[in-house]
Amino acid sequence: MLDDAAIVRPEGAARSLVLTMDVVTPIVDDPRTFGAIAACNALSDVYAMGGKPELALSFLGLPSDTLGLDVVREILAGVHDVCGRARCAIVGGHTMKDSEPKCGLSVVGSVEPDAVWSQRFAREGDVLVLTKAVGTGLVGQAIRKGDAAPAWIDAAVSRMTQLNDVACELGRRHQVRAATDVTGFGLLGHLRNLVEASRVTVTLRTSDVPTLPGAIELARSGCVPGGTRRNLAYAGAVTRFAEAVDEAQRLLLADAQTSGGLLLALPEAAAPALLTALVDAGLTDAAVVGDVGASDTPSIVVLP
């Protein structure tokens, strides 16, 4: 499974380029909010590599026979709102007729060559800081079924429309050296990619992982997207769960996220200052969720 941005450094250039693309389907009914979420989600890969988005091309697919130009305008307004906050110029785009609404961006960012974050750079003695609560896939499934409480929707939307720019900037100031964003593969799926790339083991503490309101209740009720179940099977190849971690908790950890947070690896001694800075900046979900250890066999150990 692949989910990463590409890094290139043009000959003679002072900075490396980060190239990425992502497209999502609606997780909410409001078109402007959908556009904002799609843009935040697409920009996230650039931040996950320690970079800054510079310019983007937008993509929008719609069933034009049922959704009119007013919907197009609102979706694109949401995209422009977020790209404006990110100071990322939209230089063009493409629209097409599609059977299901889809929206996303192709993004070009930049990063100093010696400051690139990668899933390959986690080291023994690091800790892992997660910057947003998980559970957007479960809440999204409840929205589609009409079973989501308004407070659950509000909490999920507030996280999905929150850029990872501040988390990236603060991470650069506090010795972060490895990172991934937490999106479609869920926390455990992205962790599998990280432990295999860095050749390490990670001990994850379930009780420390921030979760959205309603998420665990939805997992226990069976309101679970198919992608979340596939993520759990994917992560299972390298993951050992303590018996006290029940099925609902496992599904929550594997929940397929849209516009999730950053998972940052940094030396343990640097973590308290980073955590304080994140919380002071309004990222109140931020928490240390696990530890990195040496291992001949990349693995994840999940504790209660």
Protein backbone atom coordinates (compact mmCIF):
# COMPACT_ATOMS: atom_id res chain seq x y z
CA MET A 1 0.00 0.00 0.00
CA LEU A 2 1.41 3.37 -1.00
CA ASP A 3 0.52 6.74 0.43
CA ASP A 4 3.32 9.24 0.25
CA ALA A 5 4.45 12.37 -1.47
CA ALA A 6 7.36 12.38 -3.91
CA ILE A 7 10.51 14.43 -3.34
CA VAL A 8 12.53 15.83 -6.24
CA ARG A 9 15.35 18.35 -6.35
CA PRO A 10 15.75 20.08 -9.70
CA GLU A 11 19.35 20.61 -10.75
CA GLY A 12 20.71 23.81 -9.26
CA ALA A 13 17.64 24.39 -7.04
CA ALA A 14 18.14 25.49 -3.43
CA ARG A 15 15.05 23.66 -2.19
CA SER A 16 13.57 20.25 -2.90
CA LEU A 17 10.05 19.96 -4.30
CA VAL A 18 7.31 17.90 -2.66
CA LEU A 19 4.75 16.55 -5.15
CA THR A 20 1.48 14.98 -4.08
CA MET A 21 -2.12 14.45 -5.11
CA ASP A 22 -5.23 13.36 -3.22
CA VAL A 23 -8.95 13.19 -4.00
CA VAL A 24 -11.82 12.37 -1.61
CA THR A 25 -15.56 11.81 -1.77
CA PRO A 26 -17.96 13.76 0.49
CA ILE A 27 -17.94 13.01 4.21
CA VAL A 28 -20.42 15.84 4.98
CA ASP A 29 -23.45 17.26 3.18
CA ASP A 30 -22.44 20.95 3.08
CA PRO A 31 -20.56 21.57 -0.22
CA ARG A 32 -18.33 24.38 1.07
CA THR A 33 -17.25 22.26 4.04
CA PHE A 34 -16.62 19.33 1.69
CA GLY A 35 -14.29 21.50 -0.40
CA ALA A 36 -12.44 22.70 2.69
CA ILE A 37 -11.96 19.13 3.96
CA ALA A 38 -10.75 17.94 0.55
CA ALA A 39 -8.18 20.73 0.40
CA CYS A 40 -6.91 20.16 3.94
CA ASN A 41 -6.60 16.45 3.21
CA ALA A 42 -4.60 17.01 0.01
CA LEU A 43 -2.24 19.56 1.54
CA SER A 44 -1.46 17.26 4.46
CA ASP A 45 1.12 15.13 2.62
CA VAL A 46 3.31 18.20 2.10
CA TYR A 47 3.24 19.04 5.80
CA ALA A 48 3.97 15.39 6.63
CA MET A 49 7.31 15.75 4.85
CA GLY A 50 8.19 18.96 6.68
CA GLY A 51 7.36 21.10 3.66
CA LYS A 52 5.33 24.16 2.74
CA PRO A 53 2.63 24.03 0.02
CA GLU A 54 3.38 26.50 -2.76
CA LEU A 55 0.86 25.92 -5.57
CA ALA A 56 -1.92 23.54 -6.50
CA LEU A 57 -4.20 22.34 -9.27
CA SER A 58 -7.77 21.57 -8.23
CA PHE A 59 -9.89 18.64 -9.35
CA LEU A 60 -13.65 18.36 -9.14
CA GLY A 61 -15.94 15.62 -10.41
CA LEU A 62 -19.72 15.97 -10.13
CA PRO A 63 -22.94 14.42 -11.44
CA SER A 64 -23.82 17.61 -13.33
CA ASP A 65 -27.32 16.41 -14.14
CA THR A 66 -28.27 16.50 -10.44
CA LEU A 67 -25.88 19.07 -8.92
CA GLY A 68 -25.73 22.54 -10.40
CA LEU A 69 -23.23 25.38 -10.67
CA ASP A 70 -24.17 26.70 -7.24
CA VAL A 71 -22.78 23.50 -5.70
CA VAL A 72 -19.62 23.79 -7.83
CA ARG A 73 -19.11 27.35 -6.63
CA GLU A 74 -19.54 26.40 -2.99
CA ILE A 75 -17.15 23.43 -3.15
CA LEU A 76 -14.49 25.50 -4.88
CA ALA A 77 -15.02 28.33 -2.40
CA GLY A 78 -14.17 25.89 0.38
CA VAL A 79 -11.04 24.81 -1.49
CA HIS A 80 -9.98 28.43 -2.01
CA ASP A 81 -10.64 29.32 1.64
CA VAL A 82 -8.24 26.60 2.84
CA CYS A 83 -5.58 27.28 0.22
CA GLY A 84 -5.72 30.93 1.18
CA ARG A 85 -5.07 30.02 4.81
CA ALA A 86 -2.20 27.81 3.69
CA ARG A 87 -0.82 30.56 1.41
CA CYS A 88 -0.89 28.05 -1.43
CA ALA A 89 -1.78 29.47 -4.86
CA ILE A 90 -4.36 27.63 -6.98
CA VAL A 91 -3.00 28.02 -10.51
CA GLY A 92 -5.56 25.95 -12.42
CA GLY A 93 -7.64 22.84 -12.29
CA HIS A 94 -10.03 20.48 -14.00
CA THR A 95 -13.70 19.59 -13.66
CA MET A 96 -15.47 16.60 -15.11
CA LYS A 97 -18.81 14.83 -15.05
CA ASP A 98 -18.78 11.93 -12.60
CA SER A 99 -21.33 9.63 -11.04
CA GLU A 100 -20.20 10.59 -7.53
CA PRO A 101 -18.85 13.90 -6.22
CA LYS A 102 -15.06 13.97 -5.86
CA CYS A 103 -12.73 16.80 -4.97
CA GLY A 104 -9.01 17.13 -4.44
CA LEU A 105 -5.76 18.84 -5.26
CA SER A 106 -2.47 18.14 -6.94
CA VAL A 107 0.02 20.06 -4.81
CA VAL A 108 3.60 21.25 -5.24
CA GLY A 109 5.42 22.21 -2.05
CA SER A 110 9.01 22.90 -1.08
CA VAL A 111 11.35 21.93 1.73
CA GLU A 112 15.00 22.44 2.63
CA PRO A 113 16.91 19.34 1.43
CA ASP A 114 18.42 18.69 4.86
CA ALA A 115 15.06 19.16 6.63
CA VAL A 116 12.94 16.54 4.84
CA TRP A 117 10.86 14.32 7.12
CA SER A 118 10.37 10.73 6.11
CA GLN A 119 8.90 7.53 7.48
CA ARG A 120 12.46 6.14 7.31
CA PHE A 121 14.00 8.29 10.03
CA ALA A 122 12.39 7.09 13.30
CA ARG A 123 14.99 5.85 15.79
CA GLU A 124 15.20 3.86 19.02
CA GLY A 125 14.45 6.18 21.94
CA ASP A 126 12.02 8.36 20.01
CA VAL A 127 8.45 8.94 21.11
CA LEU A 128 5.43 9.44 18.87
CA VAL A 129 3.20 12.52 19.11
CA LEU A 130 -0.23 12.47 17.41
CA THR A 131 -1.69 15.91 16.71
CA LYS A 132 -5.38 15.17 16.00
CA ALA A 133 -8.00 12.82 17.38
CA VAL A 134 -8.93 9.74 15.33
CA GLY A 135 -12.40 8.57 14.37
CA THR A 136 -13.42 10.60 11.32
CA GLY A 137 -14.14 7.46 9.28
CA LEU A 138 -16.53 6.14 11.90
CA VAL A 139 -18.30 9.48 12.27
CA GLY A 140 -18.46 9.81 8.47
CA GLN A 141 -20.12 6.43 8.23
CA ALA A 142 -22.67 7.54 10.84
CA ILE A 143 -23.32 10.74 8.86
CA ARG A 144 -24.04 8.69 5.75
CA LYS A 145 -26.48 6.54 7.73
CA GLY A 146 -28.11 9.55 9.39
CA ASP A 147 -27.04 8.32 12.83
CA ALA A 148 -24.46 10.95 13.82
CA ALA A 149 -25.19 13.27 16.72
CA PRO A 150 -24.68 16.97 15.86
CA ALA A 151 -21.93 17.28 18.47
CA TRP A 152 -20.06 14.36 16.87
CA ILE A 153 -20.30 15.99 13.44
CA ASP A 154 -19.12 19.36 14.73
CA ALA A 155 -16.11 17.80 16.46
CA ALA A 156 -15.13 15.79 13.37
CA VAL A 157 -15.53 18.76 11.00
CA SER A 158 -13.45 21.01 13.25
CA ARG A 159 -10.53 18.55 13.01
CA MET A 160 -10.90 17.80 9.30
CA THR A 161 -10.87 21.51 8.39
CA GLN A 162 -7.81 22.18 10.55
CA LEU A 163 -4.62 22.47 8.54
CA ASN A 164 -1.50 20.61 9.67
CA ASP A 165 0.60 23.72 9.04
CA VAL A 166 1.04 24.66 12.70
CA ALA A 167 1.91 21.09 13.68
CA CYS A 168 4.51 21.03 10.90
CA GLU A 169 6.05 24.35 11.88
CA LEU A 170 6.27 23.45 15.55
CA GLY A 171 7.64 20.02 14.70
CA ARG A 172 10.48 21.62 12.76
CA ARG A 173 11.35 23.68 15.85
CA HIS A 174 11.36 20.70 18.21
CA GLN A 175 13.66 18.09 16.64
CA VAL A 176 11.06 16.01 14.77
CA ARG A 177 12.90 13.77 12.32
CA ALA A 178 10.29 11.31 11.06
CA ALA A 179 6.62 11.80 10.31
CA THR A 180 3.54 10.61 8.51
CA ASP A 181 0.08 12.02 8.28
CA VAL A 182 -2.78 9.79 9.42
CA THR A 183 -5.23 9.48 6.56
CA GLY A 184 -6.75 6.63 4.58
CA PHE A 185 -4.75 3.76 6.11
CA GLY A 186 -5.66 4.74 9.66
CA LEU A 187 -3.24 5.12 12.55
CA LEU A 188 -2.21 1.45 12.52
CA GLY A 189 -1.82 1.30 8.73
CA HIS A 190 0.42 4.34 8.64
CA LEU A 191 2.34 2.98 11.63
CA ARG A 192 2.98 -0.22 9.71
CA ASN A 193 4.49 1.84 6.89
CA LEU A 194 6.66 3.73 9.40
CA VAL A 195 7.99 0.72 11.31
CA GLU A 196 8.82 -1.10 8.09
CA ALA A 197 10.52 1.94 6.57
CA SER A 198 12.54 2.71 9.73
CA ARG A 199 13.12 -0.93 10.76
CA VAL A 200 11.90 -0.33 14.32
CA THR A 201 9.23 -1.52 16.73
CA VAL A 202 6.56 0.78 18.14
CA THR A 203 4.66 0.34 21.39
CA LEU A 204 1.31 2.10 21.10
CA ARG A 205 -0.84 2.84 24.16
CA THR A 206 -4.54 2.76 23.29
CA SER A 207 -5.57 4.85 26.29
CA ASP A 208 -3.28 7.68 25.17
CA VAL A 209 -4.67 7.94 21.62
CA PRO A 210 -7.04 10.95 21.34
CA THR A 211 -10.43 10.00 19.92
CA LEU A 212 -13.39 11.93 18.58
CA PRO A 213 -16.65 12.06 20.54
CA GLY A 214 -18.85 9.13 19.59
CA ALA A 215 -16.14 7.19 17.76
CA ILE A 216 -15.74 4.28 20.16
CA GLU A 217 -19.52 3.98 20.57
CA LEU A 218 -19.89 3.75 16.79
CA ALA A 219 -17.16 1.09 16.57
CA ARG A 220 -18.93 -0.95 19.24
CA SER A 221 -22.27 -0.62 17.46
CA GLY A 222 -20.84 -1.96 14.19
CA CYS A 223 -21.08 1.34 12.29
CA VAL A 224 -17.69 0.76 10.66
CA PRO A 225 -16.54 1.61 7.09
CA GLY A 226 -15.18 -1.23 4.98
CA GLY A 227 -11.90 0.63 4.59
CA THR A 228 -11.37 0.55 8.33
CA ARG A 229 -11.72 -3.23 8.41
CA ARG A 230 -9.28 -3.55 5.50
CA ASN A 231 -6.81 -1.32 7.36
CA LEU A 232 -6.99 -3.57 10.41
CA ALA A 233 -6.21 -6.60 8.26
CA TYR A 234 -3.30 -4.75 6.61
CA ALA A 235 -1.80 -3.66 9.93
CA GLY A 236 -2.34 -7.12 11.41
CA ALA A 237 0.68 -8.50 9.56
CA VAL A 238 3.02 -6.62 11.93
CA THR A 239 0.77 -5.90 14.94
CA ARG A 240 0.33 -7.71 18.27
CA PHE A 241 -2.59 -6.66 20.46
CA ALA A 242 -2.79 -7.12 24.20
CA GLU A 243 -5.86 -9.20 25.09
CA ALA A 244 -7.35 -6.22 26.94
CA VAL A 245 -7.56 -4.23 23.68
CA ASP A 246 -11.01 -5.19 22.39
CA GLU A 247 -12.27 -5.38 18.82
CA ALA A 248 -13.86 -1.92 18.88
CA GLN A 249 -10.61 -0.32 20.07
CA ARG A 250 -8.68 -2.15 17.35
CA LEU A 251 -11.09 -0.87 14.71
CA LEU A 252 -10.80 2.68 16.04
CA LEU A 253 -7.00 2.53 15.79
CA ALA A 254 -7.33 1.34 12.19
CA ASP A 255 -10.12 3.76 11.26
CA ALA A 256 -9.66 5.27 7.80
CA GLN A 257 -9.16 8.99 8.36
CA THR A 258 -9.89 11.97 6.16
CA SER A 259 -7.66 15.00 6.85
CA GLY A 260 -6.19 13.45 9.99
CA GLY A 261 -3.31 14.74 12.04
CA LEU A 262 0.44 14.27 11.90
CA LEU A 263 2.24 11.45 13.68
CA LEU A 264 5.64 12.87 14.66
CA ALA A 265 8.71 10.95 15.86
CA LEU A 266 11.25 12.86 17.92
CA PRO A 267 13.68 12.30 20.80
CA GLU A 268 11.92 11.68 24.10
CA ALA A 269 13.64 14.65 25.77
CA ALA A 270 12.23 17.04 23.17
CA ALA A 271 8.63 15.81 23.41
CA PRO A 272 7.40 17.80 26.45
CA ALA A 273 8.30 21.13 24.85
CA LEU A 274 6.67 20.15 21.56
CA LEU A 275 3.51 18.98 23.32
CA THR A 276 3.25 22.23 25.28
CA ALA A 277 3.73 24.27 22.10
CA LEU A 278 1.07 22.29 20.23
CA VAL A 279 -1.51 22.66 22.98
CA ASP A 280 -0.71 26.37 23.38
CA ALA A 281 -1.28 26.77 19.64
CA GLY A 282 -4.77 25.28 19.95
CA LEU A 283 -4.01 21.67 19.01
CA THR A 284 -5.53 20.42 22.23
CA ASP A 285 -5.83 16.80 21.05
CA ALA A 286 -2.04 16.46 20.80
CA ALA A 287 -0.64 13.60 22.87
CA VAL A 288 2.33 11.28 23.20
CA VAL A 289 0.88 7.95 22.08
CA GLY A 290 3.82 5.57 21.83
CA ASP A 291 7.50 4.75 21.97
CA VAL A 292 10.01 3.62 19.37
CA GLY A 293 12.38 0.75 20.10
CA ALA A 294 14.99 -1.26 18.24
CA SER A 295 13.95 -4.48 16.55
CA ASP A 296 15.25 -6.94 13.99
CA THR A 297 11.63 -7.42 12.91
CA PRO A 298 9.53 -4.26 12.38
CA SER A 299 6.45 -4.52 14.57
CA ILE A 300 3.70 -2.73 16.45
CA VAL A 301 2.69 -3.70 19.98
CA VAL A 302 -0.67 -2.31 21.09
CA LEU A 303 -1.28 -2.02 24.83
CA PRO A 304 -4.49 -0.96 26.64
